[in-house]
Amino acid sequence: MAKHELPKLSYAFNALEPFIDTQTMEIHYSKHHATYVAKLNEILENYKELQDKTVEELLKSLNYIPESIRNGVRNFGGGHYNHLFFWEILAPVSNDVILPTGELVEAINNNFGSFETFKKQFTVSAITFFGSGWTWLVADKNQKLLVINTVNQESPIILGLKPLLTLDLWEHAYYLKYQNRRPEYVEAWWNVVNWKKVEENLNK
C-alpha cells in the first residue's frame, strides 16, 4: 500500500519568526497536518484501487470516489493537500524576494490593477471570512486571477481552479501567537510569502 506522508519542510520551525512562531509551526505541522495524513491513509485502507493515486488525483476525481468515503477524502485529503501547498508558499524571513516579480507581478497588475490593490482584496477577504477555511489566489482555465475563499478543507482543484497562493485561516494556524487577532496574523503573513514559488505555480 502506498502511504501518504508528511512532507519534509525546507526550513526549520523557527525560520518564520517573528511572524509565525516556532511553537505554532511545530504543532501545526506535526499534529494537525499529521492527523490529516493519518486519517486519509486510514479511510483508503480498504480501497486498493485508490491507494496509488496522489492526493491531487484523488481530489480532482472526487465525484468518482465511493460515496461512503467521499467526504472523508474531501476533508482529510483536502487538509493534506492544502497544507502541502501552504508550507511551500512560505519562505524564511531571510528570503530576498519580498514582493512578486516578473510574469507574476505582470499578471497581478493585469488582473487587479496593482499589487497593492490585490493585497488589499486578499487581506479583506481573509479577515472577513467567517469560520475555518482558506483564502486563495487562483487562476481559472483562462488564466484569469481570482481571490477566493474555501470553507473547511475544500480545495480549489476540486473546483477546477489552479491554486497559486494560500493562507490558512483555521485558528490552529495562528491562535497561540495572535489569539483572536486574525487581522494581525494576516498582515504578518505577507512577510513570509515565497513569491518565487507563487510564480512557479502560475507557470505550471
N, C-alpha and C. Protein backbone atom coordinates (compact mmCIF):
# COMPACT_ATOMS: atom_id res chain seq x y z
N MET A 1 0.84 -1.20 0.00
CA MET A 1 0.00 0.00 0.00
C MET A 1 0.88 1.25 0.00
N ALA A 2 0.59 2.16 -0.93
CA ALA A 2 1.31 3.43 -0.96
C ALA A 2 0.71 4.35 0.09
N LYS A 3 1.53 4.79 0.99
CA LYS A 3 1.06 5.64 2.09
C LYS A 3 1.30 7.11 1.77
N HIS A 4 0.30 7.91 2.09
CA HIS A 4 0.52 9.35 2.04
C HIS A 4 1.37 9.73 3.25
N GLU A 5 2.27 10.68 3.07
CA GLU A 5 3.22 11.02 4.13
C GLU A 5 3.32 12.53 4.31
N LEU A 6 3.76 12.91 5.51
CA LEU A 6 4.09 14.30 5.75
C LEU A 6 5.30 14.68 4.88
N PRO A 7 5.30 15.86 4.31
CA PRO A 7 6.46 16.29 3.53
C PRO A 7 7.59 16.70 4.46
N LYS A 8 8.79 16.73 3.93
CA LYS A 8 9.90 17.32 4.68
C LYS A 8 9.90 18.82 4.40
N LEU A 9 9.84 19.60 5.45
CA LEU A 9 9.88 21.05 5.28
C LEU A 9 11.26 21.49 4.82
N SER A 10 11.30 22.52 4.02
CA SER A 10 12.59 23.03 3.51
C SER A 10 13.19 24.07 4.44
N TYR A 11 12.57 24.29 5.59
CA TYR A 11 13.05 25.27 6.57
C TYR A 11 12.71 24.77 7.96
N ALA A 12 13.38 25.32 8.95
CA ALA A 12 13.16 24.92 10.34
C ALA A 12 11.88 25.56 10.89
N PHE A 13 11.38 24.99 11.99
CA PHE A 13 10.15 25.50 12.59
C PHE A 13 10.29 26.97 13.00
N ASN A 14 11.50 27.39 13.34
CA ASN A 14 11.68 28.78 13.81
C ASN A 14 12.04 29.75 12.68
N ALA A 15 12.04 29.26 11.44
CA ALA A 15 12.52 30.09 10.32
C ALA A 15 11.59 31.23 9.96
N LEU A 16 10.33 31.16 10.41
CA LEU A 16 9.36 32.19 10.05
C LEU A 16 9.13 33.19 11.18
N GLU A 17 9.90 33.05 12.26
CA GLU A 17 9.83 34.02 13.36
C GLU A 17 10.23 35.41 12.85
N PRO A 18 9.65 36.48 13.40
CA PRO A 18 8.64 36.51 14.47
C PRO A 18 7.21 36.47 13.94
N PHE A 19 7.06 36.30 12.63
CA PHE A 19 5.74 36.44 12.01
C PHE A 19 4.85 35.22 12.27
N ILE A 20 5.44 34.04 12.15
CA ILE A 20 4.76 32.80 12.56
C ILE A 20 5.69 32.12 13.56
N ASP A 21 5.19 31.92 14.76
CA ASP A 21 6.07 31.48 15.84
C ASP A 21 6.41 29.99 15.77
N THR A 22 7.50 29.64 16.40
CA THR A 22 8.04 28.28 16.36
C THR A 22 7.05 27.25 16.88
N GLN A 23 6.43 27.52 18.02
CA GLN A 23 5.52 26.55 18.61
C GLN A 23 4.31 26.29 17.71
N THR A 24 3.77 27.34 17.14
CA THR A 24 2.64 27.17 16.22
C THR A 24 3.05 26.32 15.03
N MET A 25 4.20 26.61 14.44
CA MET A 25 4.66 25.84 13.29
C MET A 25 4.81 24.37 13.64
N GLU A 26 5.42 24.09 14.77
CA GLU A 26 5.66 22.69 15.15
C GLU A 26 4.35 21.94 15.38
N ILE A 27 3.43 22.55 16.11
CA ILE A 27 2.14 21.90 16.38
C ILE A 27 1.32 21.78 15.09
N HIS A 28 1.31 22.82 14.31
CA HIS A 28 0.55 22.84 13.06
C HIS A 28 1.00 21.71 12.14
N TYR A 29 2.31 21.56 12.01
CA TYR A 29 2.87 20.54 11.12
C TYR A 29 2.78 19.13 11.72
N SER A 30 3.28 18.96 12.94
CA SER A 30 3.45 17.61 13.49
C SER A 30 2.18 17.05 14.13
N LYS A 31 1.20 17.89 14.38
CA LYS A 31 -0.06 17.41 14.97
C LYS A 31 -1.21 17.54 13.97
N HIS A 32 -1.51 18.75 13.54
CA HIS A 32 -2.67 18.95 12.68
C HIS A 32 -2.48 18.32 11.29
N HIS A 33 -1.39 18.68 10.61
CA HIS A 33 -1.18 18.09 9.29
C HIS A 33 -1.00 16.58 9.40
N ALA A 34 -0.28 16.14 10.38
CA ALA A 34 -0.05 14.70 10.55
C ALA A 34 -1.37 13.95 10.73
N THR A 35 -2.33 14.55 11.41
CA THR A 35 -3.63 13.91 11.60
C THR A 35 -4.37 13.75 10.28
N TYR A 36 -4.32 14.78 9.43
CA TYR A 36 -4.96 14.65 8.13
C TYR A 36 -4.35 13.51 7.32
N VAL A 37 -3.05 13.38 7.36
CA VAL A 37 -2.37 12.31 6.63
C VAL A 37 -2.78 10.94 7.17
N ALA A 38 -2.76 10.79 8.48
CA ALA A 38 -3.12 9.51 9.11
C ALA A 38 -4.56 9.12 8.79
N LYS A 39 -5.46 10.09 8.87
CA LYS A 39 -6.88 9.80 8.62
C LYS A 39 -7.12 9.46 7.16
N LEU A 40 -6.40 10.13 6.25
CA LEU A 40 -6.55 9.82 4.83
C LEU A 40 -6.09 8.40 4.55
N ASN A 41 -4.94 8.01 5.08
CA ASN A 41 -4.46 6.64 4.90
C ASN A 41 -5.45 5.63 5.49
N GLU A 42 -6.03 5.98 6.61
CA GLU A 42 -6.97 5.07 7.28
C GLU A 42 -8.21 4.82 6.44
N ILE A 43 -8.78 5.88 5.86
CA ILE A 43 -10.02 5.66 5.10
C ILE A 43 -9.77 5.01 3.74
N LEU A 44 -8.52 5.03 3.27
CA LEU A 44 -8.19 4.39 1.99
C LEU A 44 -7.75 2.94 2.18
N GLU A 45 -7.67 2.50 3.42
CA GLU A 45 -7.08 1.19 3.73
C GLU A 45 -7.76 0.04 2.98
N ASN A 46 -9.07 0.12 2.78
CA ASN A 46 -9.81 -0.97 2.13
C ASN A 46 -10.12 -0.68 0.66
N TYR A 47 -9.45 0.32 0.09
CA TYR A 47 -9.72 0.70 -1.29
C TYR A 47 -8.42 0.67 -2.08
N LYS A 48 -8.00 -0.55 -2.42
CA LYS A 48 -6.70 -0.76 -3.05
C LYS A 48 -6.55 0.04 -4.35
N GLU A 49 -7.66 0.18 -5.08
CA GLU A 49 -7.60 0.87 -6.37
C GLU A 49 -7.31 2.36 -6.23
N LEU A 50 -7.44 2.90 -5.01
CA LEU A 50 -7.20 4.32 -4.79
C LEU A 50 -5.85 4.60 -4.12
N GLN A 51 -5.19 3.56 -3.69
CA GLN A 51 -4.03 3.75 -2.82
C GLN A 51 -2.79 4.27 -3.54
N ASP A 52 -2.72 4.11 -4.84
CA ASP A 52 -1.56 4.60 -5.58
C ASP A 52 -1.78 5.98 -6.19
N LYS A 53 -2.95 6.55 -5.97
CA LYS A 53 -3.23 7.89 -6.50
C LYS A 53 -2.63 8.95 -5.59
N THR A 54 -2.14 10.02 -6.19
CA THR A 54 -1.68 11.15 -5.38
C THR A 54 -2.89 11.83 -4.76
N VAL A 55 -2.65 12.65 -3.76
CA VAL A 55 -3.77 13.35 -3.13
C VAL A 55 -4.42 14.29 -4.13
N GLU A 56 -3.63 14.88 -5.02
CA GLU A 56 -4.19 15.76 -6.05
C GLU A 56 -5.10 14.98 -7.00
N GLU A 57 -4.69 13.79 -7.38
CA GLU A 57 -5.52 12.95 -8.25
C GLU A 57 -6.82 12.56 -7.56
N LEU A 58 -6.74 12.27 -6.27
CA LEU A 58 -7.95 11.91 -5.51
C LEU A 58 -8.95 13.06 -5.50
N LEU A 59 -8.45 14.26 -5.24
CA LEU A 59 -9.35 15.41 -5.13
C LEU A 59 -9.93 15.81 -6.49
N LYS A 60 -9.14 15.70 -7.53
CA LYS A 60 -9.62 16.07 -8.86
C LYS A 60 -10.67 15.08 -9.38
N SER A 61 -10.66 13.86 -8.86
CA SER A 61 -11.63 12.85 -9.28
C SER A 61 -12.62 12.52 -8.17
N LEU A 62 -12.92 13.52 -7.35
CA LEU A 62 -13.74 13.30 -6.16
C LEU A 62 -15.10 12.70 -6.49
N ASN A 63 -15.68 13.08 -7.61
CA ASN A 63 -17.00 12.56 -7.97
C ASN A 63 -16.99 11.06 -8.25
N TYR A 64 -15.79 10.51 -8.47
CA TYR A 64 -15.68 9.08 -8.77
C TYR A 64 -15.24 8.28 -7.54
N ILE A 65 -15.01 8.96 -6.44
CA ILE A 65 -14.66 8.28 -5.20
C ILE A 65 -15.92 7.64 -4.61
N PRO A 66 -15.85 6.42 -4.10
CA PRO A 66 -17.04 5.81 -3.50
C PRO A 66 -17.70 6.75 -2.49
N GLU A 67 -19.01 6.82 -2.56
CA GLU A 67 -19.75 7.78 -1.73
C GLU A 67 -19.48 7.61 -0.25
N SER A 68 -19.23 6.36 0.17
CA SER A 68 -19.04 6.09 1.59
C SER A 68 -17.79 6.76 2.17
N ILE A 69 -16.80 7.07 1.31
CA ILE A 69 -15.58 7.72 1.80
C ILE A 69 -15.33 9.07 1.14
N ARG A 70 -16.27 9.52 0.33
CA ARG A 70 -16.05 10.76 -0.43
C ARG A 70 -15.83 11.96 0.47
N ASN A 71 -16.67 12.11 1.49
CA ASN A 71 -16.49 13.25 2.40
C ASN A 71 -15.18 13.16 3.16
N GLY A 72 -14.78 11.93 3.51
CA GLY A 72 -13.51 11.75 4.20
C GLY A 72 -12.33 12.15 3.34
N VAL A 73 -12.39 11.77 2.06
CA VAL A 73 -11.32 12.16 1.13
C VAL A 73 -11.32 13.67 0.94
N ARG A 74 -12.51 14.26 0.84
CA ARG A 74 -12.60 15.72 0.70
C ARG A 74 -11.98 16.42 1.92
N ASN A 75 -12.32 15.94 3.12
CA ASN A 75 -11.86 16.61 4.34
C ASN A 75 -10.39 16.32 4.66
N PHE A 76 -10.04 15.04 4.71
CA PHE A 76 -8.67 14.68 5.10
C PHE A 76 -7.69 14.80 3.94
N GLY A 77 -8.15 14.43 2.74
CA GLY A 77 -7.31 14.63 1.56
C GLY A 77 -7.14 16.11 1.28
N GLY A 78 -8.22 16.87 1.44
CA GLY A 78 -8.13 18.31 1.27
C GLY A 78 -7.21 18.94 2.30
N GLY A 79 -7.32 18.49 3.54
CA GLY A 79 -6.44 19.01 4.59
C GLY A 79 -4.98 18.71 4.30
N HIS A 80 -4.72 17.51 3.79
CA HIS A 80 -3.35 17.14 3.44
C HIS A 80 -2.84 18.00 2.27
N TYR A 81 -3.63 18.09 1.22
CA TYR A 81 -3.21 18.85 0.04
C TYR A 81 -3.01 20.33 0.37
N ASN A 82 -3.97 20.91 1.07
CA ASN A 82 -3.90 22.34 1.38
C ASN A 82 -2.66 22.68 2.20
N HIS A 83 -2.32 21.81 3.14
CA HIS A 83 -1.13 22.06 3.96
C HIS A 83 0.15 21.84 3.15
N LEU A 84 0.18 20.81 2.31
CA LEU A 84 1.33 20.63 1.42
C LEU A 84 1.60 21.92 0.65
N PHE A 85 0.52 22.50 0.14
CA PHE A 85 0.63 23.71 -0.67
C PHE A 85 1.04 24.89 0.20
N PHE A 86 0.47 25.00 1.38
CA PHE A 86 0.73 26.12 2.29
C PHE A 86 2.21 26.17 2.69
N TRP A 87 2.78 25.02 3.08
CA TRP A 87 4.19 25.03 3.50
C TRP A 87 5.09 25.52 2.38
N GLU A 88 4.75 25.18 1.14
CA GLU A 88 5.62 25.53 0.02
C GLU A 88 5.58 27.01 -0.34
N ILE A 89 4.51 27.71 -0.01
CA ILE A 89 4.46 29.13 -0.38
C ILE A 89 4.92 30.02 0.78
N LEU A 90 5.52 29.40 1.80
CA LEU A 90 6.13 30.16 2.88
C LEU A 90 7.64 30.15 2.71
N ALA A 91 8.29 31.24 3.10
CA ALA A 91 9.74 31.34 2.97
C ALA A 91 10.33 31.93 4.23
N PRO A 92 11.52 31.49 4.61
CA PRO A 92 12.19 32.08 5.78
C PRO A 92 12.32 33.59 5.64
N VAL A 93 12.43 34.24 6.78
CA VAL A 93 12.49 35.70 6.81
C VAL A 93 13.69 36.24 6.03
N SER A 94 14.73 35.44 5.90
CA SER A 94 15.93 35.86 5.17
C SER A 94 15.73 35.85 3.65
N ASN A 95 14.56 35.35 3.22
CA ASN A 95 14.26 35.29 1.79
C ASN A 95 14.40 36.68 1.15
N ASP A 96 15.07 36.75 0.00
CA ASP A 96 15.35 38.03 -0.64
C ASP A 96 14.14 38.63 -1.36
N VAL A 97 13.23 37.75 -1.83
CA VAL A 97 12.12 38.22 -2.65
C VAL A 97 10.93 38.55 -1.75
N ILE A 98 10.75 39.83 -1.47
CA ILE A 98 9.68 40.23 -0.56
C ILE A 98 8.46 40.75 -1.32
N LEU A 99 8.57 40.85 -2.64
CA LEU A 99 7.46 41.25 -3.49
C LEU A 99 7.50 40.42 -4.76
N PRO A 100 6.36 40.20 -5.41
CA PRO A 100 6.36 39.43 -6.66
C PRO A 100 7.12 40.17 -7.75
N THR A 101 7.68 39.41 -8.68
CA THR A 101 8.43 39.99 -9.79
C THR A 101 8.03 39.28 -11.08
N GLY A 102 8.58 39.73 -12.18
CA GLY A 102 8.46 39.04 -13.46
C GLY A 102 7.02 38.85 -13.93
N GLU A 103 6.76 37.65 -14.45
CA GLU A 103 5.45 37.35 -15.01
C GLU A 103 4.35 37.42 -13.95
N LEU A 104 4.71 37.10 -12.72
CA LEU A 104 3.71 37.11 -11.65
C LEU A 104 3.19 38.52 -11.39
N VAL A 105 4.09 39.48 -11.26
CA VAL A 105 3.63 40.85 -10.99
C VAL A 105 2.88 41.40 -12.18
N GLU A 106 3.27 41.01 -13.40
CA GLU A 106 2.53 41.43 -14.59
C GLU A 106 1.11 40.90 -14.55
N ALA A 107 0.96 39.62 -14.19
CA ALA A 107 -0.37 39.01 -14.11
C ALA A 107 -1.22 39.66 -13.03
N ILE A 108 -0.61 39.95 -11.89
CA ILE A 108 -1.33 40.61 -10.80
C ILE A 108 -1.77 42.01 -11.23
N ASN A 109 -0.88 42.74 -11.86
CA ASN A 109 -1.23 44.09 -12.32
C ASN A 109 -2.34 44.05 -13.37
N ASN A 110 -2.27 43.09 -14.27
CA ASN A 110 -3.27 42.98 -15.33
C ASN A 110 -4.65 42.63 -14.78
N ASN A 111 -4.68 41.83 -13.72
CA ASN A 111 -5.96 41.34 -13.20
C ASN A 111 -6.53 42.21 -12.08
N PHE A 112 -5.66 42.88 -11.32
CA PHE A 112 -6.13 43.64 -10.17
C PHE A 112 -5.82 45.14 -10.26
N GLY A 113 -5.02 45.54 -11.22
CA GLY A 113 -4.65 46.94 -11.37
C GLY A 113 -3.31 47.26 -10.76
N SER A 114 -3.02 46.67 -9.60
CA SER A 114 -1.72 46.87 -8.94
C SER A 114 -1.55 45.82 -7.86
N PHE A 115 -0.31 45.66 -7.41
CA PHE A 115 -0.08 44.72 -6.32
C PHE A 115 -0.80 45.17 -5.06
N GLU A 116 -0.78 46.45 -4.77
CA GLU A 116 -1.43 46.95 -3.55
C GLU A 116 -2.93 46.70 -3.57
N THR A 117 -3.56 46.83 -4.73
CA THR A 117 -5.00 46.54 -4.84
C THR A 117 -5.26 45.07 -4.59
N PHE A 118 -4.42 44.21 -5.19
CA PHE A 118 -4.55 42.77 -4.95
C PHE A 118 -4.37 42.45 -3.47
N LYS A 119 -3.33 43.01 -2.87
CA LYS A 119 -3.04 42.72 -1.46
C LYS A 119 -4.20 43.14 -0.57
N LYS A 120 -4.78 44.27 -0.85
CA LYS A 120 -5.92 44.74 -0.06
C LYS A 120 -7.11 43.81 -0.22
N GLN A 121 -7.39 43.40 -1.46
CA GLN A 121 -8.53 42.50 -1.71
C GLN A 121 -8.33 41.16 -1.00
N PHE A 122 -7.13 40.62 -1.10
CA PHE A 122 -6.82 39.34 -0.46
C PHE A 122 -6.94 39.48 1.06
N THR A 123 -6.39 40.55 1.61
CA THR A 123 -6.41 40.77 3.05
C THR A 123 -7.83 40.91 3.57
N VAL A 124 -8.64 41.71 2.90
CA VAL A 124 -10.04 41.90 3.32
C VAL A 124 -10.80 40.58 3.25
N SER A 125 -10.56 39.81 2.18
CA SER A 125 -11.22 38.52 2.02
C SER A 125 -10.88 37.57 3.17
N ALA A 126 -9.60 37.58 3.58
CA ALA A 126 -9.16 36.71 4.67
C ALA A 126 -9.70 37.17 6.02
N ILE A 127 -9.68 38.47 6.25
CA ILE A 127 -10.10 39.00 7.55
C ILE A 127 -11.60 38.83 7.77
N THR A 128 -12.38 39.01 6.72
CA THR A 128 -13.83 38.99 6.85
C THR A 128 -14.44 37.61 6.70
N PHE A 129 -13.63 36.62 6.31
CA PHE A 129 -14.15 35.25 6.15
C PHE A 129 -14.60 34.71 7.51
N PHE A 130 -15.79 34.12 7.55
CA PHE A 130 -16.33 33.62 8.81
C PHE A 130 -16.02 32.13 8.96
N GLY A 131 -15.47 31.77 10.12
CA GLY A 131 -15.21 30.37 10.41
C GLY A 131 -13.85 29.90 9.93
N SER A 132 -13.74 28.59 9.73
CA SER A 132 -12.46 27.98 9.34
C SER A 132 -12.41 27.78 7.83
N GLY A 133 -11.24 28.02 7.27
CA GLY A 133 -11.09 27.83 5.83
C GLY A 133 -9.79 28.42 5.34
N TRP A 134 -9.77 28.84 4.08
CA TRP A 134 -8.57 29.29 3.41
C TRP A 134 -8.90 30.44 2.47
N THR A 135 -7.98 31.37 2.31
CA THR A 135 -8.06 32.37 1.25
C THR A 135 -7.00 32.03 0.21
N TRP A 136 -7.37 32.14 -1.06
CA TRP A 136 -6.52 31.70 -2.16
C TRP A 136 -6.41 32.77 -3.24
N LEU A 137 -5.26 32.80 -3.90
CA LEU A 137 -5.12 33.40 -5.22
C LEU A 137 -5.09 32.24 -6.19
N VAL A 138 -6.01 32.23 -7.14
CA VAL A 138 -6.11 31.13 -8.09
C VAL A 138 -6.17 31.66 -9.51
N ALA A 139 -5.92 30.77 -10.45
CA ALA A 139 -6.11 31.08 -11.87
C ALA A 139 -7.19 30.16 -12.41
N ASP A 140 -8.12 30.73 -13.21
CA ASP A 140 -9.12 29.88 -13.82
C ASP A 140 -8.58 29.31 -15.13
N LYS A 141 -9.42 28.62 -15.88
CA LYS A 141 -8.95 27.93 -17.10
C LYS A 141 -8.47 28.91 -18.17
N ASN A 142 -8.87 30.18 -18.04
CA ASN A 142 -8.42 31.21 -18.98
C ASN A 142 -7.24 32.02 -18.43
N GLN A 143 -6.67 31.54 -17.33
CA GLN A 143 -5.54 32.20 -16.65
C GLN A 143 -5.93 33.54 -16.04
N LYS A 144 -7.20 33.76 -15.82
CA LYS A 144 -7.65 34.95 -15.09
C LYS A 144 -7.41 34.70 -13.61
N LEU A 145 -6.81 35.67 -12.92
CA LEU A 145 -6.52 35.52 -11.50
C LEU A 145 -7.71 35.98 -10.66
N LEU A 146 -8.00 35.21 -9.62
CA LEU A 146 -9.13 35.48 -8.75
C LEU A 146 -8.71 35.29 -7.30
N VAL A 147 -9.31 36.04 -6.39
CA VAL A 147 -9.18 35.79 -4.96
C VAL A 147 -10.45 35.10 -4.50
N ILE A 148 -10.32 33.93 -3.89
CA ILE A 148 -11.49 33.19 -3.42
C ILE A 148 -11.22 32.68 -2.01
N ASN A 149 -12.30 32.31 -1.32
CA ASN A 149 -12.21 31.60 -0.05
C ASN A 149 -12.79 30.21 -0.23
N THR A 150 -12.25 29.25 0.50
CA THR A 150 -12.86 27.93 0.57
C THR A 150 -13.11 27.57 2.02
N VAL A 151 -14.20 26.86 2.27
CA VAL A 151 -14.57 26.51 3.64
C VAL A 151 -13.87 25.23 4.07
N ASN A 152 -13.61 25.15 5.36
CA ASN A 152 -13.02 23.95 5.97
C ASN A 152 -11.77 23.52 5.20
N GLN A 153 -11.76 22.30 4.61
CA GLN A 153 -10.59 21.86 3.85
C GLN A 153 -10.90 21.68 2.37
N GLU A 154 -11.89 22.42 1.88
CA GLU A 154 -12.17 22.43 0.45
C GLU A 154 -10.97 22.99 -0.30
N SER A 155 -10.68 22.43 -1.47
CA SER A 155 -9.52 22.85 -2.26
C SER A 155 -9.96 23.39 -3.61
N PRO A 156 -9.27 24.41 -4.12
CA PRO A 156 -9.61 24.95 -5.44
C PRO A 156 -9.54 23.91 -6.56
N ILE A 157 -8.66 22.93 -6.42
CA ILE A 157 -8.53 21.95 -7.51
C ILE A 157 -9.81 21.13 -7.66
N ILE A 158 -10.60 21.01 -6.60
CA ILE A 158 -11.89 20.34 -6.71
C ILE A 158 -12.82 21.15 -7.61
N LEU A 159 -12.62 22.47 -7.63
CA LEU A 159 -13.46 23.38 -8.41
C LEU A 159 -12.89 23.63 -9.81
N GLY A 160 -11.79 22.96 -10.15
CA GLY A 160 -11.18 23.14 -11.45
C GLY A 160 -10.33 24.39 -11.57
N LEU A 161 -9.89 24.92 -10.44
CA LEU A 161 -9.07 26.13 -10.42
C LEU A 161 -7.62 25.78 -10.06
N LYS A 162 -6.67 26.58 -10.53
CA LYS A 162 -5.26 26.35 -10.25
C LYS A 162 -4.82 27.24 -9.10
N PRO A 163 -4.43 26.67 -7.96
CA PRO A 163 -4.00 27.49 -6.84
C PRO A 163 -2.60 28.05 -7.05
N LEU A 164 -2.43 29.32 -6.67
CA LEU A 164 -1.13 29.98 -6.77
C LEU A 164 -0.57 30.34 -5.39
N LEU A 165 -1.47 30.73 -4.49
CA LEU A 165 -1.08 31.25 -3.18
C LEU A 165 -2.22 30.96 -2.21
N THR A 166 -1.89 30.64 -0.96
CA THR A 166 -2.96 30.41 0.01
C THR A 166 -2.55 30.84 1.41
N LEU A 167 -3.58 31.14 2.20
CA LEU A 167 -3.40 31.50 3.61
C LEU A 167 -4.36 30.66 4.44
N ASP A 168 -3.82 29.94 5.41
CA ASP A 168 -4.60 29.10 6.30
C ASP A 168 -5.30 29.97 7.34
N LEU A 169 -6.64 29.89 7.38
CA LEU A 169 -7.42 30.71 8.30
C LEU A 169 -7.97 29.92 9.48
N TRP A 170 -7.60 28.65 9.59
CA TRP A 170 -8.01 27.89 10.76
C TRP A 170 -7.31 28.48 11.99
N GLU A 171 -7.99 28.51 13.12
CA GLU A 171 -7.40 29.13 14.31
C GLU A 171 -6.10 28.46 14.75
N HIS A 172 -5.95 27.16 14.47
CA HIS A 172 -4.72 26.49 14.90
C HIS A 172 -3.50 27.05 14.17
N ALA A 173 -3.71 27.79 13.07
CA ALA A 173 -2.60 28.36 12.32
C ALA A 173 -2.04 29.62 12.98
N TYR A 174 -2.79 30.20 13.92
CA TYR A 174 -2.32 31.49 14.46
C TYR A 174 -2.69 31.75 15.91
N TYR A 175 -3.49 30.90 16.54
CA TYR A 175 -4.08 31.26 17.83
C TYR A 175 -3.07 31.39 18.96
N LEU A 176 -2.01 30.60 18.95
CA LEU A 176 -1.04 30.66 20.05
C LEU A 176 -0.36 32.03 20.13
N LYS A 177 -0.10 32.64 18.99
CA LYS A 177 0.58 33.94 18.98
C LYS A 177 -0.40 35.11 18.91
N TYR A 178 -1.42 34.97 18.07
CA TYR A 178 -2.29 36.11 17.79
C TYR A 178 -3.66 36.03 18.46
N GLN A 179 -3.96 34.91 19.14
CA GLN A 179 -5.27 34.70 19.75
C GLN A 179 -6.39 35.00 18.74
N ASN A 180 -7.28 35.92 19.06
CA ASN A 180 -8.40 36.21 18.16
C ASN A 180 -8.09 37.34 17.18
N ARG A 181 -6.83 37.74 17.09
CA ARG A 181 -6.45 38.89 16.27
C ARG A 181 -6.07 38.45 14.85
N ARG A 182 -7.04 37.93 14.14
CA ARG A 182 -6.75 37.44 12.79
C ARG A 182 -6.17 38.53 11.88
N PRO A 183 -6.67 39.77 11.91
CA PRO A 183 -6.07 40.80 11.04
C PRO A 183 -4.56 40.97 11.25
N GLU A 184 -4.11 40.84 12.50
CA GLU A 184 -2.69 40.96 12.79
C GLU A 184 -1.91 39.79 12.18
N TYR A 185 -2.48 38.60 12.27
CA TYR A 185 -1.87 37.41 11.67
C TYR A 185 -1.77 37.56 10.15
N VAL A 186 -2.85 38.01 9.52
CA VAL A 186 -2.86 38.16 8.07
C VAL A 186 -1.79 39.16 7.63
N GLU A 187 -1.69 40.27 8.32
CA GLU A 187 -0.70 41.29 7.96
C GLU A 187 0.72 40.77 8.14
N ALA A 188 0.95 40.00 9.20
CA ALA A 188 2.29 39.43 9.44
C ALA A 188 2.66 38.41 8.37
N TRP A 189 1.69 37.63 7.93
CA TRP A 189 1.94 36.56 6.96
C TRP A 189 2.54 37.07 5.65
N TRP A 190 2.19 38.28 5.24
CA TRP A 190 2.73 38.81 3.99
C TRP A 190 4.26 38.87 4.01
N ASN A 191 4.85 38.89 5.18
CA ASN A 191 6.31 38.98 5.30
C ASN A 191 7.03 37.67 5.01
N VAL A 192 6.29 36.57 4.94
CA VAL A 192 6.94 35.26 4.73
C VAL A 192 6.38 34.52 3.52
N VAL A 193 5.85 35.27 2.56
CA VAL A 193 5.36 34.65 1.32
C VAL A 193 6.54 34.35 0.40
N ASN A 194 6.56 33.16 -0.15
CA ASN A 194 7.59 32.74 -1.09
C ASN A 194 7.13 33.08 -2.51
N TRP A 195 7.43 34.30 -2.96
CA TRP A 195 6.92 34.76 -4.25
C TRP A 195 7.51 33.99 -5.42
N LYS A 196 8.72 33.47 -5.26
CA LYS A 196 9.31 32.65 -6.33
C LYS A 196 8.45 31.41 -6.57
N LYS A 197 8.00 30.79 -5.48
CA LYS A 197 7.16 29.60 -5.61
C LYS A 197 5.80 29.96 -6.20
N VAL A 198 5.25 31.09 -5.83
CA VAL A 198 3.96 31.52 -6.38
C VAL A 198 4.07 31.70 -7.89
N GLU A 199 5.18 32.28 -8.35
CA GLU A 199 5.39 32.44 -9.80
C GLU A 199 5.54 31.09 -10.48
N GLU A 200 6.22 30.15 -9.83
CA GLU A 200 6.32 28.79 -10.37
C GLU A 200 4.93 28.18 -10.53
N ASN A 201 4.07 28.40 -9.54
CA ASN A 201 2.72 27.85 -9.60
C ASN A 201 1.94 28.45 -10.77
N LEU A 202 2.14 29.74 -11.03
CA LEU A 202 1.49 30.40 -12.17
C LEU A 202 1.89 29.76 -13.49
N ASN A 203 3.16 29.36 -13.58
CA ASN A 203 3.69 28.86 -14.86
C ASN A 203 3.60 27.36 -15.03
N LYS A 204 2.97 26.68 -14.09
CA LYS A 204 2.81 25.23 -14.22
C LYS A 204 1.88 24.89 -15.38
